[in-house]
Protein backbone atom coordinates (compact mmCIF):
# COMPACT_ATOMS: atom_id res chain seq x y z
CA MET A 1 20.64 -34.02 -14.38
CA ASN A 2 21.18 -31.20 -16.88
CA ILE A 3 21.78 -27.51 -16.19
CA ARG A 4 18.22 -26.58 -17.17
CA SER A 5 16.80 -29.00 -14.59
CA ASN A 6 19.11 -27.63 -11.92
CA LEU A 7 18.03 -24.09 -12.68
CA LEU A 8 14.37 -25.10 -12.56
CA ILE A 9 14.81 -26.73 -9.15
CA LEU A 10 16.66 -23.67 -7.87
CA PHE A 11 13.91 -21.37 -9.15
CA LEU A 12 11.19 -23.46 -7.51
CA ALA A 13 13.09 -23.51 -4.23
CA LEU A 14 13.52 -19.74 -4.26
CA PHE A 15 9.84 -19.26 -5.15
CA ALA A 16 8.76 -21.52 -2.29
CA ALA A 17 11.05 -19.71 0.16
CA THR A 18 9.67 -16.34 -0.91
CA ALA A 19 6.09 -17.56 -0.57
CA LEU A 20 6.77 -18.92 2.90
CA ALA A 21 8.41 -15.65 3.94
CA GLN A 22 5.27 -13.77 2.93
CA MET A 23 2.97 -16.01 4.96
CA SER A 24 2.10 -15.31 8.56
CA PRO A 25 3.93 -17.62 10.99
CA MET A 26 1.68 -20.36 12.31
CA PRO A 27 0.49 -19.44 15.81
CA MET A 28 1.21 -21.70 18.77
CA SER A 29 -2.47 -21.40 19.55
CA GLU A 30 -5.51 -19.42 18.54
CA GLY A 31 -9.08 -19.10 19.70
CA PHE A 32 -12.04 -16.93 20.52
CA VAL A 33 -13.11 -15.17 23.70
CA THR A 34 -16.80 -14.43 24.23
CA THR A 35 -17.32 -10.99 25.78
CA ASP A 36 -20.00 -10.02 28.27
CA ASP A 37 -22.19 -8.68 25.46
CA GLY A 38 -21.78 -11.74 23.24
CA ALA A 39 -19.09 -10.63 20.79
CA GLN A 40 -16.54 -13.22 19.65
CA ILE A 41 -12.97 -11.91 19.78
CA TYR A 42 -10.30 -13.82 17.87
CA TYR A 43 -6.73 -14.02 19.12
CA THR A 44 -3.45 -15.73 18.22
CA ILE A 45 -0.47 -16.57 20.42
CA HIS A 46 3.12 -16.83 19.19
CA GLY A 47 6.15 -17.73 21.29
CA GLU A 48 6.84 -17.69 25.00
CA GLY A 49 8.11 -15.09 27.42
CA GLN A 50 6.77 -11.77 28.61
CA PRO A 51 3.30 -11.16 27.14
CA LEU A 52 3.06 -8.57 24.36
CA VAL A 53 -0.45 -7.77 23.15
CA LEU A 54 -0.64 -6.12 19.71
CA ILE A 55 -3.72 -4.19 18.57
CA HIS A 56 -4.29 -3.28 14.93
CA GLY A 57 -5.59 -0.11 13.33
CA TYR A 58 -8.64 0.68 11.19
CA PRO A 59 -9.95 -1.05 9.11
CA LEU A 60 -7.44 -3.89 9.44
CA ASN A 61 -6.96 -6.90 11.75
CA GLY A 62 -4.24 -8.78 13.59
CA GLY A 63 -2.76 -9.88 10.27
CA LEU A 64 -1.20 -6.42 10.17
CA PHE A 65 1.53 -7.83 12.42
CA ARG A 66 2.36 -10.71 10.08
CA ASP A 67 6.01 -9.68 9.78
CA ASN A 68 6.39 -8.77 13.45
CA VAL A 69 5.16 -11.81 15.37
CA GLY A 70 8.02 -14.09 14.32
CA PRO A 71 10.96 -11.90 15.32
CA LEU A 72 9.19 -10.51 18.39
CA SER A 73 8.25 -13.99 19.62
CA GLU A 74 11.97 -14.62 20.20
CA ARG A 75 11.61 -12.29 23.19
CA PHE A 76 7.88 -12.13 23.93
CA GLN A 77 4.76 -14.23 24.04
CA VAL A 78 3.05 -12.27 21.28
CA VAL A 79 -0.75 -12.08 21.34
CA THR A 80 -2.60 -10.50 18.42
CA VAL A 81 -6.25 -9.57 18.66
CA ASP A 82 -8.85 -8.89 15.98
CA LEU A 83 -11.07 -6.11 17.29
CA ARG A 84 -14.80 -6.79 17.06
CA GLY A 85 -16.10 -6.63 13.51
CA PHE A 86 -12.62 -7.00 12.00
CA GLY A 87 -10.82 -10.08 10.71
CA GLN A 88 -12.26 -13.19 12.32
CA SER A 89 -13.90 -11.42 15.26
CA MET A 90 -17.66 -11.03 15.36
CA SER A 91 -19.40 -8.03 16.85
CA SER A 92 -22.58 -7.93 18.91
CA SER A 93 -25.72 -5.86 18.80
CA ASP A 94 -24.00 -3.39 21.13
CA GLY A 95 -21.61 -2.42 18.33
CA GLY A 96 -18.13 -1.01 18.75
CA SER A 97 -16.47 1.99 20.36
CA ILE A 98 -13.02 2.78 21.70
CA GLU A 99 -14.25 1.98 25.20
CA ARG A 100 -15.70 -1.32 24.03
CA TYR A 101 -12.57 -2.28 22.10
CA ALA A 102 -10.52 -1.70 25.25
CA MET A 103 -12.84 -3.88 27.30
CA ASP A 104 -12.59 -6.62 24.69
CA VAL A 105 -8.78 -6.70 24.71
CA LEU A 106 -8.76 -6.73 28.51
CA ALA A 107 -11.24 -9.63 28.36
CA VAL A 108 -8.85 -11.57 26.12
CA MET A 109 -6.00 -10.89 28.55
CA GLY A 110 -8.19 -12.11 31.40
CA GLU A 111 -9.22 -15.28 29.58
CA LEU A 112 -5.57 -16.05 28.79
CA GLY A 113 -4.51 -15.43 32.38
CA LEU A 114 -2.29 -12.47 31.53
CA GLU A 115 -2.14 -10.39 34.69
CA GLN A 116 0.20 -7.92 33.00
CA ALA A 117 1.42 -7.36 29.47
CA VAL A 118 3.25 -4.92 27.30
CA VAL A 119 0.44 -3.47 25.18
CA GLY A 120 1.21 -2.19 21.70
CA GLY A 121 -1.20 -0.51 19.33
CA MET A 122 -1.04 0.93 15.83
CA SER A 123 -3.33 3.87 14.98
CA MET A 124 -6.78 2.96 16.36
CA GLY A 125 -4.98 0.24 18.31
CA GLY A 126 -2.93 2.90 20.08
CA ILE A 127 -6.08 4.86 20.86
CA THR A 128 -7.52 1.64 22.29
CA ALA A 129 -4.36 1.14 24.37
CA PHE A 130 -4.80 4.60 25.91
CA GLU A 131 -8.35 3.64 26.90
CA MET A 132 -7.14 0.33 28.31
CA TYR A 133 -4.66 2.23 30.45
CA ARG A 134 -7.44 4.43 31.80
CA GLN A 135 -9.55 1.38 32.61
CA ALA A 136 -6.83 -0.87 34.05
CA PRO A 137 -3.35 0.68 34.40
CA GLU A 138 -2.26 -2.16 36.67
CA ARG A 139 -2.46 -4.56 33.71
CA PHE A 140 0.39 -2.77 31.88
CA ALA A 141 4.06 -3.76 32.03
CA GLY A 142 4.85 -1.40 29.18
CA LEU A 143 3.27 0.52 26.32
CA ILE A 144 4.13 0.74 22.62
CA LEU A 145 2.43 3.43 20.54
CA ILE A 146 2.82 3.10 16.77
CA ASP A 147 1.57 5.71 14.28
CA THR A 148 -1.24 6.80 16.56
CA VAL A 149 -2.71 9.89 18.20
CA HIS A 150 -3.74 11.06 21.66
CA LEU A 151 -5.88 13.98 20.50
CA PRO A 152 -9.63 13.86 19.84
CA ALA A 153 -10.89 14.24 16.29
CA GLY A 154 -11.71 17.80 15.29
CA PRO A 155 -14.85 18.54 13.26
CA ALA A 156 -13.18 18.09 9.87
CA GLU A 157 -11.44 14.85 10.79
CA ALA A 158 -14.56 13.48 12.46
CA GLY A 159 -16.42 14.16 9.24
CA LEU A 160 -13.87 12.12 7.29
CA TRP A 161 -14.25 9.15 9.63
CA ARG A 162 -18.03 9.32 9.52
CA GLY A 163 -17.76 9.52 5.75
CA ALA A 164 -15.72 6.31 5.74
CA ALA A 165 -18.38 4.64 7.88
CA THR A 166 -21.11 5.75 5.50
CA GLN A 167 -19.12 4.60 2.49
CA ALA A 168 -18.59 1.17 4.03
CA GLN A 169 -22.32 0.92 4.70
CA GLU A 170 -23.40 2.01 1.24
CA MET A 171 -20.60 0.70 -1.00
CA GLY A 172 -19.02 -2.13 1.00
CA VAL A 173 -15.73 -2.40 2.85
CA ALA A 174 -13.73 -3.08 -0.31
CA SER A 175 -14.44 0.49 -1.37
CA LEU A 176 -12.30 1.69 1.55
CA VAL A 177 -9.12 0.26 0.02
CA ASP A 178 -8.57 3.22 -2.29
CA VAL A 179 -9.40 5.62 0.54
CA PHE A 180 -6.80 4.30 2.98
CA LEU A 181 -4.08 2.53 1.01
CA LYS A 182 -2.46 5.72 -0.27
CA ASP A 183 -1.88 6.82 3.34
CA MET A 184 -0.90 3.43 4.75
CA VAL A 185 2.33 3.06 2.77
CA THR A 186 4.54 5.30 0.68
CA GLY A 187 4.26 5.62 -3.08
CA ASP A 188 7.61 3.90 -3.42
CA THR A 189 6.31 0.86 -1.54
CA ARG A 190 3.10 0.74 -3.56
CA MET A 191 5.16 0.76 -6.76
CA ASN A 192 8.09 -1.47 -5.85
CA ARG A 193 6.65 -3.75 -3.16
CA PRO A 194 3.16 -4.57 -4.43
CA GLU A 195 2.82 -7.52 -2.05
CA ILE A 196 2.63 -5.10 0.88
CA ALA A 197 -0.25 -3.24 -0.75
CA GLU A 198 -1.93 -6.53 -1.62
CA HIS A 199 -1.69 -7.70 1.99
CA LEU A 200 -3.22 -4.48 3.30
CA THR A 201 -5.98 -4.74 0.70
CA SER A 202 -6.75 -8.26 1.91
CA LEU A 203 -6.92 -7.10 5.53
CA VAL A 204 -9.37 -4.32 4.69
CA GLU A 205 -11.57 -6.68 2.69
CA GLN A 206 -11.80 -9.07 5.66
CA ALA A 207 -13.64 -6.48 7.78
CA ALA A 208 -17.37 -6.87 8.31
CA VAL A 209 -19.54 -3.96 7.24
CA GLU A 210 -20.71 -3.37 10.81
CA GLY A 211 -17.10 -3.42 11.99
CA ALA A 212 -16.05 -0.80 9.45
CA VAL A 213 -19.07 1.35 10.28
CA ASP A 214 -18.56 1.12 14.04
CA GLY A 215 -14.82 1.70 13.72
CA GLY A 216 -15.22 4.81 11.61
CA ASN A 217 -17.70 6.27 14.07
CA ALA A 218 -15.48 5.22 17.00
CA LEU A 219 -12.57 7.18 15.55
CA ALA A 220 -14.80 10.19 15.01
CA ASP A 221 -15.94 10.02 18.65
CA ARG A 222 -12.64 8.94 20.20
CA PRO A 223 -11.77 10.18 23.68
CA ASP A 224 -9.21 12.89 24.33
CA SER A 225 -6.15 11.17 25.81
CA SER A 226 -4.19 14.37 26.43
CA ASP A 227 -4.58 14.16 30.20
CA THR A 228 -3.70 10.46 30.13
CA LEU A 229 -0.15 11.12 28.94
CA ALA A 230 1.03 12.46 32.29
CA GLN A 231 -0.59 9.51 34.09
CA ILE A 232 1.38 6.86 32.20
CA SER A 233 4.09 5.50 34.49
CA VAL A 234 5.21 2.38 32.62
CA PRO A 235 8.06 2.18 30.09
CA THR A 236 6.76 3.57 26.81
CA LEU A 237 8.05 3.32 23.25
CA ILE A 238 6.67 5.60 20.55
CA ILE A 239 7.25 4.71 16.88
CA VAL A 240 6.29 6.81 13.86
CA GLY A 241 6.90 6.55 10.16
CA LEU A 242 8.42 9.80 8.97
CA GLU A 243 6.07 9.84 5.96
CA ASP A 244 2.95 9.33 8.10
CA THR A 245 0.39 11.96 7.07
CA VAL A 246 -2.50 10.51 9.11
CA THR A 247 -0.82 10.84 12.52
CA PRO A 248 2.31 12.85 11.73
CA TYR A 249 5.62 13.09 13.53
CA GLU A 250 4.64 16.25 15.40
CA VAL A 251 1.84 14.40 17.20
CA HIS A 252 4.25 11.71 18.34
CA GLN A 253 6.67 14.37 19.53
CA MET A 254 3.86 15.74 21.71
CA MET A 255 3.26 12.27 23.15
CA ASN A 256 6.98 11.85 23.76
CA GLU A 257 7.08 15.13 25.66
CA GLY A 258 3.93 14.26 27.62
CA ILE A 259 4.88 10.73 28.73
CA MET A 260 7.73 10.90 31.20
CA GLY A 261 10.70 8.76 30.22
CA SER A 262 9.22 7.66 26.91
CA GLU A 263 11.41 6.89 23.91
CA LEU A 264 10.63 8.15 20.39
CA VAL A 265 11.82 6.26 17.29
CA ILE A 266 11.36 7.77 13.83
CA ILE A 267 11.46 5.41 10.85
CA SER A 268 12.33 7.08 7.57
CA GLY A 269 10.76 5.84 4.36
CA ALA A 270 7.63 4.57 6.12
CA ALA A 271 4.11 5.96 6.30
CA HIS A 272 1.13 5.14 8.54
CA ALA A 273 1.58 1.34 8.49
CA ALA A 274 5.25 1.45 9.51
CA THR A 275 4.88 -1.79 11.46
CA LEU A 276 4.34 -3.58 8.13
CA GLU A 277 6.10 -1.32 5.63
CA ALA A 278 9.25 -1.15 7.78
CA ALA A 279 8.82 -4.33 9.78
CA ASP A 280 12.54 -4.97 10.29
CA GLU A 281 13.12 -1.47 11.66
CA THR A 282 10.02 -1.71 13.85
CA ASN A 283 11.04 -5.08 15.25
CA ALA A 284 14.58 -3.87 15.93
CA ALA A 285 13.29 -0.79 17.76
CA ILE A 286 10.96 -2.86 19.95
CA LEU A 287 13.58 -5.49 20.78
CA GLU A 288 16.21 -2.89 21.64
CA TRP A 289 13.74 -1.01 23.84
CA ALA A 290 12.69 -4.27 25.50
CA GLN A 291 16.20 -4.75 26.85
CA GLY A 292 15.35 -2.10 29.43
CA LEU A 293 12.20 -3.85 30.67
CA GLU A 294 12.24 -5.69 33.97
């Protein structure tokens, strides 16, 4: 075999390894849960151990956690959920709201027999986790808040979210890519790690129109979780990308001060989608924090 053939084989092997690294790990199991109003909620399960339920942000789906489920499943039984109208989940005529999203995730936990879980949410997923805690605090073994917010939307912000809902309705969900991508990851990542931007684009494009519309309106109408902070009594980890302009560091500092005993981790060089853009740092922070869990 000549040198050129050896080099070709080496190149193909490296290409295959890179492609596999960029794919989501195959779940141990996956399925759908039918909610009381007829929505179909998709979930995946990776690994064994203490349950960790991960909830994505808007307008994404559980594929956001592609680079987290593998490393985290070494410690946890990781469950990802597609909120109604996003990814593979189907909504119902009742539509979506933060309250409804919380009920859906709790329904998945119930169907899977998870009496308690660590619940982690990014952005709208964190807002949903706050609502889950209000509805069923006894179901929490811990809480992870990633690039999220506890405050309600003010008039200007609410207008932006309603504008996104209207745009999705009139121009399709793909039109939201340019609106959100610039805030999801840093300019450096968009330029030098195009696969990350491509993955986020794919996640946005998988949303149903009704999901994007309902989600935008849900964020505009989201509950005020300020009073909830002092009620949280489970171990809590707060993670924020230092370059996050959607839910900036100062907001996470407020949550850290409001939740007794919580831990705040700041990831430099990451924006709103730190869990994907800085997956290694996010995974390391979660696994280190998890050492203190019972």
